[in-house]
C-alpha cells in the first residue's frame, strides 16, 4: 500500500458564544488528552447532526 499524503478539509471560521459552564466542562473533559477544544466541538456537532439525520430518516 502506497503512502498517501492526507489533505486538510476546507474550513470556515465561525465565532460562537458558549456558556462559561459548558466551556469549563469541555475543558475538563479534554484536559491531559490529545484533543483541542475545537476538535471536541466538531466531533460533538458531527455526532448530533448524524443523530438528528437518523431520527429524521426513521420518521419517513
N, C-alpha and C. Protein backbone atom coordinates (compact mmCIF):
# COMPACT_ATOMS: atom_id res chain seq x y z
N UNK A 1 0.84 -1.18 0.00
CA UNK A 1 0.00 0.00 0.00
C UNK A 1 0.89 1.24 0.00
N UNK A 2 0.64 2.16 -0.90
CA UNK A 2 1.44 3.37 -1.01
C UNK A 2 0.98 4.40 0.02
N UNK A 3 1.95 5.14 0.52
CA UNK A 3 1.63 6.22 1.45
C UNK A 3 0.89 7.33 0.73
N UNK A 4 -0.17 7.80 1.33
CA UNK A 4 -0.97 8.87 0.74
C UNK A 4 -0.92 10.07 1.67
N UNK A 5 -0.50 11.19 1.16
CA UNK A 5 -0.43 12.40 1.98
C UNK A 5 -1.85 12.87 2.26
N UNK A 6 -2.19 13.03 3.56
CA UNK A 6 -3.56 13.44 3.89
C UNK A 6 -3.81 14.89 3.50
N UNK A 7 -5.04 15.18 3.16
CA UNK A 7 -5.41 16.55 2.86
C UNK A 7 -6.29 17.09 3.99
N UNK A 8 -6.15 18.36 4.23
CA UNK A 8 -6.94 19.01 5.27
C UNK A 8 -8.24 19.50 4.61
N UNK A 9 -9.37 19.13 5.19
CA UNK A 9 -10.64 19.58 4.58
C UNK A 9 -10.77 21.10 4.68
N UNK A 10 -11.47 21.70 3.73
CA UNK A 10 -11.66 23.16 3.80
C UNK A 10 -12.46 23.52 5.05
N UNK A 11 -12.13 24.63 5.64
CA UNK A 11 -12.83 25.07 6.85
C UNK A 11 -13.25 26.52 6.71
N UNK A 12 -14.18 26.92 7.54
CA UNK A 12 -14.64 28.30 7.64
C UNK A 12 -14.62 28.68 9.11
N UNK A 13 -14.11 29.85 9.39
CA UNK A 13 -14.06 30.33 10.76
C UNK A 13 -15.43 30.87 11.16
N UNK A 14 -15.97 30.38 12.28
CA UNK A 14 -17.24 30.85 12.82
C UNK A 14 -17.01 31.27 14.25
N UNK A 15 -17.55 32.39 14.63
CA UNK A 15 -17.46 32.85 16.01
C UNK A 15 -18.79 32.56 16.69
N UNK A 16 -18.73 31.77 17.76
CA UNK A 16 -19.95 31.46 18.51
C UNK A 16 -19.68 31.68 19.99
N UNK A 17 -20.73 31.85 20.74
CA UNK A 17 -20.61 32.06 22.18
C UNK A 17 -21.05 30.80 22.90
N UNK A 18 -20.28 30.42 23.90
CA UNK A 18 -20.60 29.26 24.73
C UNK A 18 -20.85 29.72 26.15
N UNK A 19 -21.79 29.11 26.84
CA UNK A 19 -21.93 29.40 28.27
C UNK A 19 -20.65 28.99 29.00
N UNK A 20 -20.24 29.79 29.98
CA UNK A 20 -18.99 29.52 30.70
C UNK A 20 -18.95 28.13 31.32
N UNK A 21 -20.08 27.67 31.85
CA UNK A 21 -20.09 26.35 32.48
C UNK A 21 -19.83 25.24 31.46
N UNK A 22 -20.30 25.42 30.23
CA UNK A 22 -20.07 24.42 29.19
C UNK A 22 -18.60 24.42 28.76
N UNK A 23 -18.01 25.59 28.67
CA UNK A 23 -16.58 25.69 28.36
C UNK A 23 -15.77 24.96 29.42
N UNK A 24 -16.09 25.19 30.67
CA UNK A 24 -15.38 24.53 31.77
C UNK A 24 -15.53 23.02 31.70
N UNK A 25 -16.73 22.55 31.36
CA UNK A 25 -16.97 21.11 31.26
C UNK A 25 -16.14 20.50 30.15
N UNK A 26 -16.15 21.13 28.98
CA UNK A 26 -15.39 20.60 27.85
C UNK A 26 -13.90 20.63 28.17
N UNK A 27 -13.43 21.73 28.70
CA UNK A 27 -12.01 21.83 29.02
C UNK A 27 -11.60 20.78 30.05
N UNK A 28 -12.49 20.48 30.98
CA UNK A 28 -12.20 19.43 31.95
C UNK A 28 -12.13 18.06 31.30
N UNK A 29 -12.99 17.81 30.33
CA UNK A 29 -13.01 16.52 29.65
C UNK A 29 -11.78 16.30 28.78
N UNK A 30 -11.25 17.35 28.18
CA UNK A 30 -10.14 17.19 27.25
C UNK A 30 -8.78 17.41 27.92
N UNK A 31 -8.80 17.79 29.19
CA UNK A 31 -7.54 18.04 29.90
C UNK A 31 -6.68 16.78 29.90
N UNK A 32 -5.40 16.95 29.60
CA UNK A 32 -4.43 15.85 29.55
C UNK A 32 -4.73 14.82 28.46
N UNK A 33 -5.49 15.24 27.47
CA UNK A 33 -5.77 14.38 26.32
C UNK A 33 -5.27 15.08 25.07
N UNK A 34 -5.01 14.33 24.04
CA UNK A 34 -4.54 14.90 22.78
C UNK A 34 -5.75 15.37 21.97
N UNK A 35 -6.42 16.41 22.48
CA UNK A 35 -7.64 16.91 21.84
C UNK A 35 -7.74 18.40 22.11
N UNK A 36 -8.11 19.15 21.08
CA UNK A 36 -8.33 20.58 21.25
C UNK A 36 -9.81 20.84 21.50
N UNK A 37 -10.11 22.03 21.99
CA UNK A 37 -11.49 22.43 22.20
C UNK A 37 -12.25 22.36 20.88
N UNK A 38 -11.64 22.88 19.81
CA UNK A 38 -12.29 22.86 18.50
C UNK A 38 -12.56 21.44 18.02
N UNK A 39 -11.59 20.56 18.18
CA UNK A 39 -11.78 19.17 17.74
C UNK A 39 -12.92 18.51 18.50
N UNK A 40 -13.01 18.77 19.80
CA UNK A 40 -14.09 18.21 20.61
C UNK A 40 -15.44 18.73 20.13
N UNK A 41 -15.54 20.04 19.91
CA UNK A 41 -16.81 20.63 19.47
C UNK A 41 -17.20 20.11 18.10
N UNK A 42 -16.25 19.99 17.19
CA UNK A 42 -16.55 19.47 15.85
C UNK A 42 -17.07 18.05 15.94
N UNK A 43 -16.43 17.20 16.75
CA UNK A 43 -16.88 15.81 16.91
C UNK A 43 -18.27 15.76 17.53
N UNK A 44 -18.53 16.62 18.50
CA UNK A 44 -19.84 16.64 19.16
C UNK A 44 -20.94 17.09 18.19
N UNK A 45 -20.64 18.09 17.39
CA UNK A 45 -21.63 18.58 16.42
C UNK A 45 -21.88 17.53 15.34
N UNK A 46 -20.81 16.86 14.87
CA UNK A 46 -20.99 15.78 13.88
C UNK A 46 -21.90 14.68 14.44
N UNK A 47 -21.67 14.30 15.69
CA UNK A 47 -22.49 13.26 16.32
C UNK A 47 -23.95 13.71 16.42
N UNK A 48 -24.16 14.97 16.79
CA UNK A 48 -25.52 15.49 16.90
C UNK A 48 -26.21 15.53 15.55
N UNK A 49 -25.50 15.97 14.52
CA UNK A 49 -26.07 16.03 13.16
C UNK A 49 -26.45 14.63 12.70
N UNK A 50 -25.56 13.67 12.89
CA UNK A 50 -25.86 12.29 12.48
C UNK A 50 -27.10 11.75 13.21
N UNK A 51 -27.20 12.05 14.51
CA UNK A 51 -28.34 11.58 15.29
C UNK A 51 -29.65 12.19 14.78
N UNK A 52 -29.64 13.48 14.53
CA UNK A 52 -30.85 14.16 14.03
C UNK A 52 -31.22 13.65 12.64
N UNK A 53 -30.22 13.48 11.78
CA UNK A 53 -30.50 12.96 10.44
C UNK A 53 -31.08 11.55 10.51
N UNK A 54 -30.57 10.73 11.41
CA UNK A 54 -31.09 9.37 11.56
C UNK A 54 -32.53 9.39 12.08
N UNK A 55 -32.80 10.27 13.04
CA UNK A 55 -34.16 10.39 13.56
C UNK A 55 -35.12 10.84 12.45
N UNK A 56 -34.67 11.80 11.63
CA UNK A 56 -35.50 12.28 10.53
C UNK A 56 -35.76 11.15 9.50
N UNK A 57 -34.75 10.36 9.22
CA UNK A 57 -34.91 9.26 8.27
C UNK A 57 -35.86 8.21 8.80
N UNK A 58 -35.85 7.98 10.10
CA UNK A 58 -36.74 6.98 10.71
C UNK A 58 -38.19 7.43 10.72
N UNK A 59 -38.45 8.75 10.63
CA UNK A 59 -39.81 9.27 10.62
C UNK A 59 -40.49 9.04 9.27
N UNK A 60 -39.69 8.88 8.22
CA UNK A 60 -40.24 8.74 6.87
C UNK A 60 -40.79 7.38 6.61
